[in-house]
Amino acid sequence: MMFPDNHYPAGKPDFTLLAPYGLPRRYRAGCLIAFEGDDADALYLVRSGYVKIFSSEMNGMEIIYRIEGPGSLFGELSLIDGRPRSASVAALSDCELVYLSRSRARLVAREQPELSAMMFVLLASRIRQLSGRVASHVSGSVYQRLKVFLEEMEDHYRSGYAEPLPLKHRELGGLVGASREMVTKLVNGLKRRGYIRMENRVIRVIRALPSRFPGEK
């Protein structure tokens, strides 16, 4: 749902090849990296940590479109259409990024056609991911969306990613399209029943999650 690794049947593209061509930038957790509506003048590679791609609603709620972690890119649409940013980006944890200006990234893509091919794979993956998320919002309950996210997050950890992802309940709500209060109720219920454990806002699944929330009809 949010972690795109499972959407690459032939394996995740290795965008770390871009690192030597860019400039390192470091951000503390909570720092805004890019603003929705700004000129999309750069491509970013995540070297360590996590960032969230999101929009803010008039009522103060966030819609979090996806989370990107080590080895992932964001800002790639600027290479294609040059339009303003369609979402904001903020650091979920302390993170190290690699910054490539739009002109620099385009030059590298021309010189290394395999990178252009990987970009197409990336965009196809994100379209599939978005389609699945829209379907889940139409037909699934909040608990079912939370269940999918928690399971994908656990798969992400077990696939060898050691960096923990601390999330506030407000951020979980933004990921699954629910209020902070609803997410708190669901998370606390799963924790009480021994399905998950939490430490420093990092959630780990320790038992197979039920298909329905306990007590849900």
N, C-alpha and C. Protein backbone atom coordinates (compact mmCIF):
# COMPACT_ATOMS: atom_id res chain seq x y z
N MET A 1 0.83 -1.21 0.00
CA MET A 1 0.00 0.00 0.00
C MET A 1 0.86 1.26 0.00
N MET A 2 1.77 1.35 0.97
CA MET A 2 2.64 2.52 1.03
C MET A 2 4.07 2.18 0.66
N PHE A 3 4.46 0.95 0.94
CA PHE A 3 5.82 0.53 0.63
C PHE A 3 5.79 -0.15 -0.72
N PRO A 4 6.44 0.41 -1.74
CA PRO A 4 6.26 -0.09 -3.10
C PRO A 4 7.06 -1.32 -3.47
N ASP A 5 7.84 -1.89 -2.55
CA ASP A 5 8.71 -3.01 -2.91
C ASP A 5 7.95 -4.17 -3.55
N ASN A 6 6.73 -4.44 -3.06
CA ASN A 6 5.97 -5.59 -3.56
C ASN A 6 5.39 -5.35 -4.95
N HIS A 7 5.51 -4.13 -5.48
CA HIS A 7 4.92 -3.81 -6.76
C HIS A 7 5.93 -3.93 -7.90
N TYR A 8 7.10 -4.49 -7.64
CA TYR A 8 8.13 -4.69 -8.66
C TYR A 8 8.33 -6.18 -8.87
N PRO A 9 7.60 -6.81 -9.81
CA PRO A 9 7.74 -8.25 -10.01
C PRO A 9 9.17 -8.68 -10.34
N ALA A 10 9.91 -7.83 -11.04
CA ALA A 10 11.27 -8.20 -11.45
C ALA A 10 12.33 -7.66 -10.50
N GLY A 11 11.91 -7.14 -9.35
CA GLY A 11 12.86 -6.59 -8.40
C GLY A 11 12.87 -5.07 -8.43
N LYS A 12 13.14 -4.48 -7.29
CA LYS A 12 13.11 -3.03 -7.16
C LYS A 12 14.28 -2.40 -7.90
N PRO A 13 14.03 -1.34 -8.72
CA PRO A 13 15.13 -0.66 -9.41
C PRO A 13 16.15 -0.09 -8.42
N ASP A 14 17.41 -0.09 -8.82
CA ASP A 14 18.48 0.39 -7.95
C ASP A 14 18.80 1.85 -8.28
N PHE A 15 18.08 2.76 -7.64
CA PHE A 15 18.28 4.18 -7.90
C PHE A 15 19.48 4.75 -7.15
N THR A 16 20.14 3.94 -6.33
CA THR A 16 21.35 4.43 -5.66
C THR A 16 22.45 4.77 -6.68
N LEU A 17 22.27 4.32 -7.94
CA LEU A 17 23.20 4.68 -9.00
C LEU A 17 23.26 6.19 -9.21
N LEU A 18 22.21 6.89 -8.78
CA LEU A 18 22.16 8.34 -8.95
C LEU A 18 22.99 9.09 -7.92
N ALA A 19 23.32 8.44 -6.82
CA ALA A 19 23.96 9.13 -5.69
C ALA A 19 25.21 9.93 -6.07
N PRO A 20 26.12 9.39 -6.89
CA PRO A 20 27.35 10.14 -7.19
C PRO A 20 27.10 11.43 -7.97
N TYR A 21 25.92 11.58 -8.55
CA TYR A 21 25.65 12.74 -9.40
C TYR A 21 24.98 13.90 -8.66
N GLY A 22 24.63 13.68 -7.40
CA GLY A 22 23.89 14.70 -6.66
C GLY A 22 24.63 15.24 -5.45
N LEU A 23 23.93 16.07 -4.70
CA LEU A 23 24.48 16.69 -3.50
C LEU A 23 23.77 16.16 -2.27
N PRO A 24 24.52 15.80 -1.21
CA PRO A 24 23.87 15.29 0.00
C PRO A 24 23.15 16.39 0.76
N ARG A 25 21.99 16.05 1.29
CA ARG A 25 21.23 16.97 2.14
C ARG A 25 20.66 16.18 3.30
N ARG A 26 20.70 16.76 4.49
CA ARG A 26 20.19 16.09 5.69
C ARG A 26 19.06 16.90 6.29
N TYR A 27 18.06 16.17 6.78
CA TYR A 27 16.88 16.80 7.39
C TYR A 27 16.55 16.10 8.70
N ARG A 28 16.14 16.88 9.66
CA ARG A 28 15.68 16.33 10.93
C ARG A 28 14.22 15.90 10.80
N ALA A 29 13.81 14.97 11.65
CA ALA A 29 12.41 14.52 11.65
C ALA A 29 11.48 15.72 11.82
N GLY A 30 10.45 15.76 10.97
CA GLY A 30 9.47 16.84 11.04
C GLY A 30 9.74 17.99 10.10
N CYS A 31 10.94 18.07 9.53
CA CYS A 31 11.28 19.18 8.63
C CYS A 31 10.54 19.05 7.30
N LEU A 32 10.04 20.17 6.79
CA LEU A 32 9.44 20.20 5.47
C LEU A 32 10.55 20.29 4.42
N ILE A 33 10.47 19.45 3.42
CA ILE A 33 11.49 19.37 2.38
C ILE A 33 11.02 20.07 1.12
N ALA A 34 9.75 19.93 0.79
CA ALA A 34 9.18 20.57 -0.39
C ALA A 34 7.71 20.88 -0.11
N PHE A 35 7.21 21.92 -0.76
CA PHE A 35 5.84 22.37 -0.54
C PHE A 35 4.99 22.14 -1.78
N GLU A 36 3.76 21.72 -1.56
CA GLU A 36 2.80 21.59 -2.65
C GLU A 36 2.64 22.93 -3.35
N GLY A 37 2.72 22.93 -4.68
CA GLY A 37 2.59 24.16 -5.45
C GLY A 37 3.90 24.82 -5.79
N ASP A 38 5.00 24.42 -5.14
CA ASP A 38 6.32 24.99 -5.45
C ASP A 38 6.78 24.54 -6.83
N ASP A 39 7.73 25.28 -7.38
CA ASP A 39 8.37 24.87 -8.62
C ASP A 39 9.09 23.54 -8.40
N ALA A 40 8.78 22.56 -9.23
CA ALA A 40 9.40 21.23 -9.08
C ALA A 40 10.74 21.24 -9.80
N ASP A 41 11.76 21.71 -9.11
CA ASP A 41 13.06 21.94 -9.75
C ASP A 41 14.10 20.89 -9.45
N ALA A 42 13.70 19.79 -8.78
CA ALA A 42 14.72 18.82 -8.37
C ALA A 42 14.15 17.43 -8.19
N LEU A 43 15.04 16.47 -8.28
CA LEU A 43 14.76 15.06 -8.00
C LEU A 43 15.53 14.68 -6.74
N TYR A 44 14.92 13.86 -5.89
CA TYR A 44 15.57 13.47 -4.63
C TYR A 44 15.65 11.95 -4.53
N LEU A 45 16.79 11.48 -4.04
CA LEU A 45 17.00 10.07 -3.70
C LEU A 45 17.10 9.97 -2.18
N VAL A 46 16.38 9.03 -1.59
CA VAL A 46 16.45 8.81 -0.14
C VAL A 46 17.59 7.84 0.14
N ARG A 47 18.60 8.31 0.88
CA ARG A 47 19.72 7.45 1.25
C ARG A 47 19.44 6.73 2.57
N SER A 48 18.85 7.45 3.52
CA SER A 48 18.49 6.85 4.81
C SER A 48 17.30 7.60 5.39
N GLY A 49 16.55 6.91 6.25
CA GLY A 49 15.37 7.52 6.85
C GLY A 49 14.14 7.39 5.96
N TYR A 50 13.07 8.08 6.37
CA TYR A 50 11.79 8.01 5.67
C TYR A 50 11.21 9.41 5.48
N VAL A 51 10.52 9.59 4.36
CA VAL A 51 9.78 10.83 4.12
C VAL A 51 8.34 10.48 3.78
N LYS A 52 7.44 11.44 4.01
CA LYS A 52 6.04 11.25 3.63
C LYS A 52 5.69 12.23 2.52
N ILE A 53 4.90 11.76 1.56
CA ILE A 53 4.39 12.58 0.47
C ILE A 53 2.93 12.84 0.81
N PHE A 54 2.54 14.11 0.97
CA PHE A 54 1.22 14.38 1.53
C PHE A 54 0.63 15.70 1.06
N SER A 55 -0.67 15.86 1.31
CA SER A 55 -1.38 17.13 1.13
C SER A 55 -2.11 17.45 2.42
N SER A 56 -2.30 18.73 2.69
CA SER A 56 -3.04 19.17 3.88
C SER A 56 -4.42 19.66 3.47
N GLU A 57 -5.43 19.20 4.20
CA GLU A 57 -6.81 19.60 3.94
C GLU A 57 -7.14 20.88 4.71
N MET A 58 -8.22 21.55 4.29
CA MET A 58 -8.64 22.78 4.95
C MET A 58 -8.98 22.56 6.42
N ASN A 59 -9.45 21.34 6.75
CA ASN A 59 -9.83 21.04 8.14
C ASN A 59 -8.64 20.63 9.00
N GLY A 60 -7.44 20.70 8.44
CA GLY A 60 -6.25 20.36 9.20
C GLY A 60 -5.79 18.93 9.06
N MET A 61 -6.61 18.07 8.46
CA MET A 61 -6.21 16.67 8.26
C MET A 61 -5.21 16.55 7.12
N GLU A 62 -4.41 15.51 7.19
CA GLU A 62 -3.46 15.22 6.13
C GLU A 62 -3.92 14.02 5.32
N ILE A 63 -3.64 14.06 4.04
CA ILE A 63 -3.76 12.88 3.18
C ILE A 63 -2.34 12.47 2.82
N ILE A 64 -1.92 11.31 3.29
CA ILE A 64 -0.56 10.84 3.00
C ILE A 64 -0.66 9.84 1.84
N TYR A 65 -0.05 10.21 0.73
CA TYR A 65 -0.14 9.39 -0.47
C TYR A 65 0.78 8.18 -0.41
N ARG A 66 1.96 8.39 0.12
CA ARG A 66 2.89 7.26 0.23
C ARG A 66 4.05 7.65 1.14
N ILE A 67 4.79 6.65 1.54
CA ILE A 67 6.02 6.82 2.32
C ILE A 67 7.18 6.30 1.47
N GLU A 68 8.26 7.04 1.46
CA GLU A 68 9.45 6.60 0.73
C GLU A 68 10.61 6.41 1.71
N GLY A 69 11.32 5.30 1.53
CA GLY A 69 12.44 4.98 2.40
C GLY A 69 13.73 4.83 1.61
N PRO A 70 14.75 4.23 2.21
CA PRO A 70 16.07 4.11 1.58
C PRO A 70 16.00 3.49 0.18
N GLY A 71 16.66 4.16 -0.77
CA GLY A 71 16.70 3.68 -2.15
C GLY A 71 15.58 4.18 -3.02
N SER A 72 14.62 4.94 -2.45
CA SER A 72 13.47 5.42 -3.22
C SER A 72 13.71 6.83 -3.74
N LEU A 73 12.89 7.20 -4.72
CA LEU A 73 12.94 8.54 -5.32
C LEU A 73 11.65 9.29 -5.04
N PHE A 74 11.74 10.62 -5.05
CA PHE A 74 10.54 11.44 -5.17
C PHE A 74 10.91 12.70 -5.96
N GLY A 75 9.89 13.30 -6.57
CA GLY A 75 10.11 14.46 -7.43
C GLY A 75 10.34 14.08 -8.88
N GLU A 76 10.12 12.80 -9.21
CA GLU A 76 10.42 12.33 -10.57
C GLU A 76 9.51 12.93 -11.63
N LEU A 77 8.29 13.34 -11.24
CA LEU A 77 7.38 13.91 -12.23
C LEU A 77 7.92 15.20 -12.82
N SER A 78 8.77 15.90 -12.07
CA SER A 78 9.34 17.15 -12.58
C SER A 78 10.21 16.91 -13.80
N LEU A 79 10.74 15.70 -13.94
CA LEU A 79 11.56 15.38 -15.10
C LEU A 79 10.71 15.23 -16.35
N ILE A 80 9.41 14.99 -16.16
CA ILE A 80 8.53 14.71 -17.28
C ILE A 80 7.76 15.94 -17.72
N ASP A 81 7.07 16.60 -16.77
CA ASP A 81 6.19 17.70 -17.19
C ASP A 81 6.61 19.08 -16.69
N GLY A 82 7.53 19.14 -15.73
CA GLY A 82 7.99 20.44 -15.25
C GLY A 82 6.94 21.26 -14.53
N ARG A 83 5.82 20.66 -14.16
CA ARG A 83 4.76 21.40 -13.49
C ARG A 83 5.06 21.54 -11.99
N PRO A 84 4.33 22.44 -11.30
CA PRO A 84 4.56 22.61 -9.85
C PRO A 84 4.31 21.31 -9.10
N ARG A 85 4.86 21.22 -7.91
CA ARG A 85 4.73 20.01 -7.11
C ARG A 85 3.26 19.75 -6.77
N SER A 86 2.86 18.50 -6.91
CA SER A 86 1.46 18.12 -6.65
C SER A 86 1.23 17.75 -5.19
N ALA A 87 2.29 17.70 -4.38
CA ALA A 87 2.17 17.35 -2.96
C ALA A 87 3.36 17.91 -2.20
N SER A 88 3.23 17.96 -0.90
CA SER A 88 4.33 18.37 -0.03
C SER A 88 5.11 17.14 0.42
N VAL A 89 6.33 17.37 0.89
CA VAL A 89 7.19 16.29 1.38
C VAL A 89 7.79 16.71 2.72
N ALA A 90 7.74 15.82 3.70
CA ALA A 90 8.33 16.10 5.01
C ALA A 90 9.06 14.86 5.51
N ALA A 91 10.05 15.09 6.35
CA ALA A 91 10.82 13.99 6.94
C ALA A 91 10.04 13.35 8.08
N LEU A 92 9.80 12.05 7.98
CA LEU A 92 9.18 11.30 9.08
C LEU A 92 10.19 10.94 10.15
N SER A 93 11.44 10.82 9.75
CA SER A 93 12.53 10.53 10.68
C SER A 93 13.73 11.34 10.21
N ASP A 94 14.78 11.38 11.00
CA ASP A 94 16.01 11.99 10.50
C ASP A 94 16.40 11.28 9.22
N CYS A 95 16.73 12.04 8.19
CA CYS A 95 17.00 11.38 6.91
C CYS A 95 18.12 12.08 6.15
N GLU A 96 18.75 11.32 5.29
CA GLU A 96 19.77 11.83 4.38
C GLU A 96 19.27 11.63 2.96
N LEU A 97 19.27 12.70 2.19
CA LEU A 97 18.80 12.66 0.81
C LEU A 97 19.94 13.05 -0.13
N VAL A 98 19.75 12.73 -1.40
CA VAL A 98 20.64 13.21 -2.46
C VAL A 98 19.80 14.09 -3.37
N TYR A 99 20.26 15.32 -3.59
CA TYR A 99 19.55 16.32 -4.38
C TYR A 99 20.15 16.40 -5.77
N LEU A 100 19.29 16.27 -6.80
CA LEU A 100 19.72 16.47 -8.18
C LEU A 100 18.82 17.52 -8.80
N SER A 101 19.40 18.59 -9.33
CA SER A 101 18.59 19.58 -10.03
C SER A 101 17.92 18.92 -11.23
N ARG A 102 16.83 19.53 -11.68
CA ARG A 102 16.10 18.95 -12.81
C ARG A 102 17.01 18.82 -14.03
N SER A 103 17.79 19.86 -14.32
CA SER A 103 18.67 19.80 -15.49
C SER A 103 19.73 18.71 -15.34
N ARG A 104 20.26 18.57 -14.13
CA ARG A 104 21.28 17.54 -13.88
C ARG A 104 20.68 16.15 -14.02
N ALA A 105 19.49 15.94 -13.45
CA ALA A 105 18.84 14.63 -13.52
C ALA A 105 18.51 14.26 -14.96
N ARG A 106 18.07 15.23 -15.75
CA ARG A 106 17.76 14.95 -17.15
C ARG A 106 19.03 14.58 -17.92
N LEU A 107 20.12 15.26 -17.63
CA LEU A 107 21.39 14.95 -18.29
C LEU A 107 21.83 13.53 -17.96
N VAL A 108 21.75 13.15 -16.69
CA VAL A 108 22.13 11.80 -16.28
C VAL A 108 21.24 10.77 -16.96
N ALA A 109 19.93 11.05 -17.06
CA ALA A 109 19.00 10.11 -17.69
C ALA A 109 19.34 9.92 -19.16
N ARG A 110 19.78 10.99 -19.83
CA ARG A 110 20.16 10.86 -21.25
C ARG A 110 21.44 10.05 -21.40
N GLU A 111 22.36 10.25 -20.47
CA GLU A 111 23.65 9.56 -20.56
C GLU A 111 23.55 8.09 -20.15
N GLN A 112 22.57 7.77 -19.30
CA GLN A 112 22.41 6.40 -18.81
C GLN A 112 20.97 5.94 -19.07
N PRO A 113 20.71 5.40 -20.26
CA PRO A 113 19.34 5.01 -20.63
C PRO A 113 18.70 4.02 -19.66
N GLU A 114 19.52 3.22 -18.95
CA GLU A 114 18.93 2.26 -18.02
C GLU A 114 18.21 2.97 -16.88
N LEU A 115 18.65 4.18 -16.54
CA LEU A 115 17.97 4.95 -15.50
C LEU A 115 16.60 5.42 -15.99
N SER A 116 16.53 5.81 -17.27
CA SER A 116 15.23 6.18 -17.84
C SER A 116 14.27 5.01 -17.82
N ALA A 117 14.78 3.82 -18.15
CA ALA A 117 13.93 2.62 -18.12
C ALA A 117 13.44 2.35 -16.70
N MET A 118 14.30 2.54 -15.70
CA MET A 118 13.89 2.32 -14.32
C MET A 118 12.83 3.33 -13.89
N MET A 119 12.90 4.55 -14.44
CA MET A 119 11.89 5.56 -14.13
C MET A 119 10.51 5.11 -14.60
N PHE A 120 10.46 4.52 -15.79
CA PHE A 120 9.18 4.03 -16.31
C PHE A 120 8.63 2.91 -15.42
N VAL A 121 9.52 2.03 -14.95
CA VAL A 121 9.10 0.97 -14.04
C VAL A 121 8.56 1.57 -12.75
N LEU A 122 9.23 2.60 -12.25
CA LEU A 122 8.80 3.29 -11.03
C LEU A 122 7.41 3.88 -11.21
N LEU A 123 7.19 4.59 -12.31
CA LEU A 123 5.89 5.23 -12.54
C LEU A 123 4.79 4.18 -12.69
N ALA A 124 5.08 3.08 -13.40
CA ALA A 124 4.08 2.02 -13.54
C ALA A 124 3.72 1.43 -12.18
N SER A 125 4.72 1.23 -11.33
CA SER A 125 4.48 0.70 -9.99
C SER A 125 3.58 1.63 -9.19
N ARG A 126 3.84 2.93 -9.28
CA ARG A 126 3.06 3.87 -8.49
C ARG A 126 1.63 3.99 -8.99
N ILE A 127 1.43 3.84 -10.29
CA ILE A 127 0.06 3.83 -10.82
C ILE A 127 -0.70 2.62 -10.30
N ARG A 128 -0.06 1.45 -10.31
CA ARG A 128 -0.70 0.25 -9.77
C ARG A 128 -1.00 0.41 -8.29
N GLN A 129 -0.07 0.99 -7.56
CA GLN A 129 -0.24 1.20 -6.13
C GLN A 129 -1.42 2.13 -5.87
N LEU A 130 -1.50 3.21 -6.64
CA LEU A 130 -2.59 4.17 -6.48
C LEU A 130 -3.93 3.53 -6.81
N SER A 131 -3.97 2.72 -7.87
CA SER A 131 -5.22 2.04 -8.24
C SER A 131 -5.70 1.13 -7.12
N GLY A 132 -4.77 0.39 -6.52
CA GLY A 132 -5.15 -0.48 -5.41
C GLY A 132 -5.63 0.29 -4.21
N ARG A 133 -5.03 1.44 -3.96
CA ARG A 133 -5.45 2.23 -2.81
C ARG A 133 -6.83 2.82 -3.02
N VAL A 134 -7.11 3.30 -4.23
CA VAL A 134 -8.45 3.83 -4.53
C VAL A 134 -9.50 2.74 -4.33
N ALA A 135 -9.22 1.54 -4.82
CA ALA A 135 -10.17 0.43 -4.67
C ALA A 135 -10.42 0.11 -3.20
N SER A 136 -9.36 0.14 -2.39
CA SER A 136 -9.53 -0.18 -0.97
C SER A 136 -10.34 0.89 -0.25
N HIS A 137 -10.22 2.15 -0.67
CA HIS A 137 -11.00 3.21 -0.04
C HIS A 137 -12.47 3.13 -0.42
N VAL A 138 -12.73 2.60 -1.61
CA VAL A 138 -14.13 2.49 -2.06
C VAL A 138 -14.82 1.31 -1.39
N SER A 139 -14.14 0.18 -1.30
CA SER A 139 -14.81 -1.05 -0.86
C SER A 139 -14.40 -1.55 0.53
N GLY A 140 -13.31 -1.04 1.08
CA GLY A 140 -12.83 -1.57 2.35
C GLY A 140 -13.14 -0.67 3.53
N SER A 141 -13.12 -1.25 4.72
CA SER A 141 -13.33 -0.48 5.95
C SER A 141 -12.01 0.15 6.38
N VAL A 142 -12.08 1.06 7.35
CA VAL A 142 -10.87 1.66 7.89
C VAL A 142 -9.96 0.58 8.46
N TYR A 143 -10.54 -0.38 9.19
CA TYR A 143 -9.71 -1.44 9.76
C TYR A 143 -9.01 -2.23 8.66
N GLN A 144 -9.72 -2.55 7.58
CA GLN A 144 -9.11 -3.34 6.51
C GLN A 144 -7.95 -2.58 5.87
N ARG A 145 -8.10 -1.27 5.72
CA ARG A 145 -7.00 -0.47 5.17
C ARG A 145 -5.82 -0.42 6.13
N LEU A 146 -6.12 -0.29 7.42
CA LEU A 146 -5.05 -0.31 8.43
C LEU A 146 -4.35 -1.66 8.45
N LYS A 147 -5.12 -2.73 8.35
CA LYS A 147 -4.56 -4.08 8.34
C LYS A 147 -3.58 -4.24 7.17
N VAL A 148 -3.97 -3.81 5.99
CA VAL A 148 -3.10 -3.92 4.82
C VAL A 148 -1.81 -3.14 5.04
N PHE A 149 -1.94 -1.94 5.58
CA PHE A 149 -0.74 -1.13 5.81
C PHE A 149 0.19 -1.78 6.83
N LEU A 150 -0.37 -2.25 7.95
CA LEU A 150 0.47 -2.87 8.98
C LEU A 150 1.16 -4.12 8.45
N GLU A 151 0.45 -4.90 7.64
CA GLU A 151 1.05 -6.12 7.08
C GLU A 151 2.16 -5.77 6.10
N GLU A 152 1.94 -4.76 5.26
CA GLU A 152 2.98 -4.37 4.31
C GLU A 152 4.19 -3.79 5.04
N MET A 153 3.93 -3.04 6.10
CA MET A 153 5.02 -2.49 6.88
C MET A 153 5.84 -3.61 7.52
N GLU A 154 5.16 -4.63 8.04
CA GLU A 154 5.88 -5.76 8.65
C GLU A 154 6.69 -6.51 7.60
N ASP A 155 6.10 -6.72 6.40
CA ASP A 155 6.86 -7.34 5.31
C ASP A 155 8.10 -6.52 4.97
N HIS A 156 7.93 -5.21 5.00
CA HIS A 156 9.03 -4.29 4.72
C HIS A 156 10.17 -4.50 5.71
N TYR A 157 9.85 -4.60 6.98
CA TYR A 157 10.88 -4.84 8.00
C TYR A 157 11.54 -6.19 7.79
N ARG A 158 10.73 -7.21 7.55
CA ARG A 158 11.27 -8.57 7.45
C ARG A 158 12.07 -8.80 6.17
N SER A 159 11.93 -7.91 5.19
CA SER A 159 12.69 -8.07 3.95
C SER A 159 14.12 -7.58 4.08
N GLY A 160 14.47 -7.08 5.28
CA GLY A 160 15.86 -6.70 5.51
C GLY A 160 16.08 -5.24 5.81
N TYR A 161 15.01 -4.43 5.81
CA TYR A 161 15.15 -3.02 6.14
C TYR A 161 15.22 -2.87 7.66
N ALA A 162 16.33 -2.37 8.14
CA ALA A 162 16.52 -2.31 9.59
C ALA A 162 15.99 -1.02 10.20
N GLU A 163 15.82 0.02 9.38
CA GLU A 163 15.43 1.32 9.93
C GLU A 163 13.98 1.30 10.40
N PRO A 164 13.72 1.61 11.66
CA PRO A 164 12.34 1.66 12.15
C PRO A 164 11.61 2.89 11.61
N LEU A 165 10.30 2.78 11.52
CA LEU A 165 9.47 3.88 11.04
C LEU A 165 8.51 4.31 12.14
N PRO A 166 8.84 5.37 12.88
CA PRO A 166 7.93 5.84 13.93
C PRO A 166 6.79 6.64 13.31
N LEU A 167 5.56 6.31 13.69
CA LEU A 167 4.39 6.99 13.14
C LEU A 167 3.46 7.44 14.26
N LYS A 168 3.00 8.67 14.16
CA LYS A 168 1.97 9.16 15.07
C LYS A 168 0.62 8.64 14.58
N HIS A 169 -0.36 8.58 15.48
CA HIS A 169 -1.70 8.12 15.09
C HIS A 169 -2.30 9.06 14.03
N ARG A 170 -1.97 10.33 14.10
CA ARG A 170 -2.44 11.27 13.09
C ARG A 170 -1.90 10.90 11.71
N GLU A 171 -0.65 10.47 11.66
CA GLU A 171 -0.06 10.08 10.39
C GLU A 171 -0.65 8.77 9.89
N LEU A 172 -0.91 7.84 10.80
CA LEU A 172 -1.59 6.60 10.40
C LEU A 172 -2.96 6.92 9.81
N GLY A 173 -3.66 7.88 10.43
CA GLY A 173 -4.95 8.29 9.91
C GLY A 173 -4.84 8.85 8.51
N GLY A 174 -3.79 9.65 8.26
CA GLY A 174 -3.59 10.19 6.93
C GLY A 174 -3.28 9.13 5.90
N LEU A 175 -2.69 8.03 6.33
CA LEU A 175 -2.37 6.93 5.42
C LEU A 175 -3.58 6.10 5.05
N VAL A 176 -4.50 5.93 5.99
CA VAL A 176 -5.64 5.02 5.76
C VAL A 176 -6.96 5.77 5.60
N GLY A 177 -6.92 7.09 5.58
CA GLY A 177 -8.13 7.87 5.37
C GLY A 177 -9.09 7.83 6.54
N ALA A 178 -8.58 8.11 7.74
CA ALA A 178 -9.41 8.05 8.94
C ALA A 178 -8.94 9.11 9.93
N SER A 179 -9.78 9.39 10.91
CA SER A 179 -9.41 10.35 11.94
C SER A 179 -8.39 9.75 12.90
N ARG A 180 -7.69 10.61 13.60
CA ARG A 180 -6.74 10.14 14.60
C ARG A 180 -7.45 9.33 15.67
N GLU A 181 -8.66 9.75 16.05
CA GLU A 181 -9.40 9.06 17.10
C GLU A 181 -9.75 7.63 16.68
N MET A 182 -10.16 7.46 15.43
CA MET A 182 -10.50 6.12 14.94
C MET A 182 -9.27 5.22 14.93
N VAL A 183 -8.15 5.75 14.46
CA VAL A 183 -6.92 4.97 14.41
C VAL A 183 -6.47 4.58 15.82
N THR A 184 -6.57 5.52 16.76
CA THR A 184 -6.20 5.22 18.14
C THR A 184 -7.03 4.07 18.69
N LYS A 185 -8.33 4.09 18.42
CA LYS A 185 -9.21 3.01 18.88
C LYS A 185 -8.77 1.66 18.30
N LEU A 186 -8.49 1.63 17.01
CA LEU A 186 -8.12 0.37 16.36
C LEU A 186 -6.75 -0.12 16.84
N VAL A 187 -5.79 0.77 16.90
CA VAL A 187 -4.44 0.38 17.33
C VAL A 187 -4.45 -0.12 18.77
N ASN A 188 -5.13 0.61 19.64
CA ASN A 188 -5.20 0.18 21.05
C ASN A 188 -5.89 -1.17 21.19
N GLY A 189 -6.93 -1.40 20.38
CA GLY A 189 -7.63 -2.68 20.42
C GLY A 189 -6.74 -3.83 19.99
N LEU A 190 -5.96 -3.63 18.92
CA LEU A 190 -5.04 -4.67 18.45
C LEU A 190 -3.93 -4.91 19.46
N LYS A 191 -3.48 -3.85 20.10
CA LYS A 191 -2.41 -3.99 21.09
C LYS A 191 -2.91 -4.75 22.32
N ARG A 192 -4.10 -4.43 22.78
CA ARG A 192 -4.65 -5.12 23.96
C ARG A 192 -4.82 -6.61 23.71
N ARG A 193 -5.17 -6.96 22.48
CA ARG A 193 -5.42 -8.37 22.15
C ARG A 193 -4.16 -9.10 21.70
N GLY A 194 -3.02 -8.44 21.76
CA GLY A 194 -1.75 -9.11 21.50
C GLY A 194 -1.41 -9.31 20.04
N TYR A 195 -2.03 -8.54 19.13
CA TYR A 195 -1.71 -8.66 17.71
C TYR A 195 -0.51 -7.82 17.31
N ILE A 196 -0.31 -6.72 18.00
CA ILE A 196 0.80 -5.83 17.68
C ILE A 196 1.50 -5.40 18.97
N ARG A 197 2.70 -4.92 18.81
CA ARG A 197 3.38 -4.26 19.93
C ARG A 197 3.92 -2.92 19.42
N MET A 198 4.07 -1.99 20.35
CA MET A 198 4.55 -0.66 19.99
C MET A 198 5.70 -0.26 20.90
N GLU A 199 6.72 0.34 20.30
CA GLU A 199 7.84 0.86 21.07
C GLU A 199 8.35 2.10 20.36
N ASN A 200 8.30 3.24 21.05
CA ASN A 200 8.72 4.51 20.45
C ASN A 200 7.99 4.79 19.14
N ARG A 201 6.68 4.51 19.14
CA ARG A 201 5.78 4.75 18.00
C ARG A 201 6.05 3.84 16.81
N VAL A 202 6.90 2.84 16.97
CA VAL A 202 7.14 1.86 15.91
C VAL A 202 6.24 0.66 16.16
N ILE A 203 5.41 0.29 15.18
CA ILE A 203 4.45 -0.81 15.32
C ILE A 203 5.02 -2.06 14.67
N ARG A 204 4.99 -3.17 15.37
CA ARG A 204 5.37 -4.46 14.82
C ARG A 204 4.21 -5.43 14.99
N VAL A 205 3.94 -6.21 13.96
CA VAL A 205 2.89 -7.23 13.99
C VAL A 205 3.50 -8.50 14.58
N ILE A 206 2.91 -9.02 15.65
CA ILE A 206 3.47 -10.21 16.30
C ILE A 206 2.54 -11.42 16.19
N ARG A 207 1.31 -11.22 15.74
CA ARG A 207 0.38 -12.31 15.44
C ARG A 207 -0.37 -11.95 14.17
N ALA A 208 -0.79 -12.97 13.43
CA ALA A 208 -1.56 -12.72 12.21
C ALA A 208 -2.79 -11.89 12.54
N LEU A 209 -2.97 -10.79 11.82
CA LEU A 209 -4.10 -9.90 12.09
C LEU A 209 -5.40 -10.54 11.62
N PRO A 210 -6.48 -10.38 12.38
CA PRO A 210 -7.77 -10.95 11.99
C PRO A 210 -8.33 -10.24 10.77
N SER A 211 -9.16 -10.94 10.00
CA SER A 211 -9.75 -10.34 8.81
C SER A 211 -10.71 -9.22 9.16
N ARG A 212 -11.31 -9.30 10.35
CA ARG A 212 -12.19 -8.24 10.84
C ARG A 212 -11.71 -7.78 12.20
N PHE A 213 -11.95 -6.53 12.50
CA PHE A 213 -11.59 -6.03 13.82
C PHE A 213 -12.44 -6.73 14.87
N PRO A 214 -11.84 -7.21 15.95
CA PRO A 214 -12.62 -7.91 16.98
C PRO A 214 -13.82 -7.10 17.44
N GLY A 215 -14.99 -7.71 17.34
CA GLY A 215 -16.23 -7.04 17.71
C GLY A 215 -16.93 -6.37 16.55
N GLU A 216 -16.24 -6.28 15.39
CA GLU A 216 -16.84 -5.65 14.22
C GLU A 216 -17.79 -6.63 13.54
N LYS A 217 -18.95 -6.15 13.14
CA LYS A 217 -19.93 -7.02 12.48
C LYS A 217 -19.70 -7.02 10.98
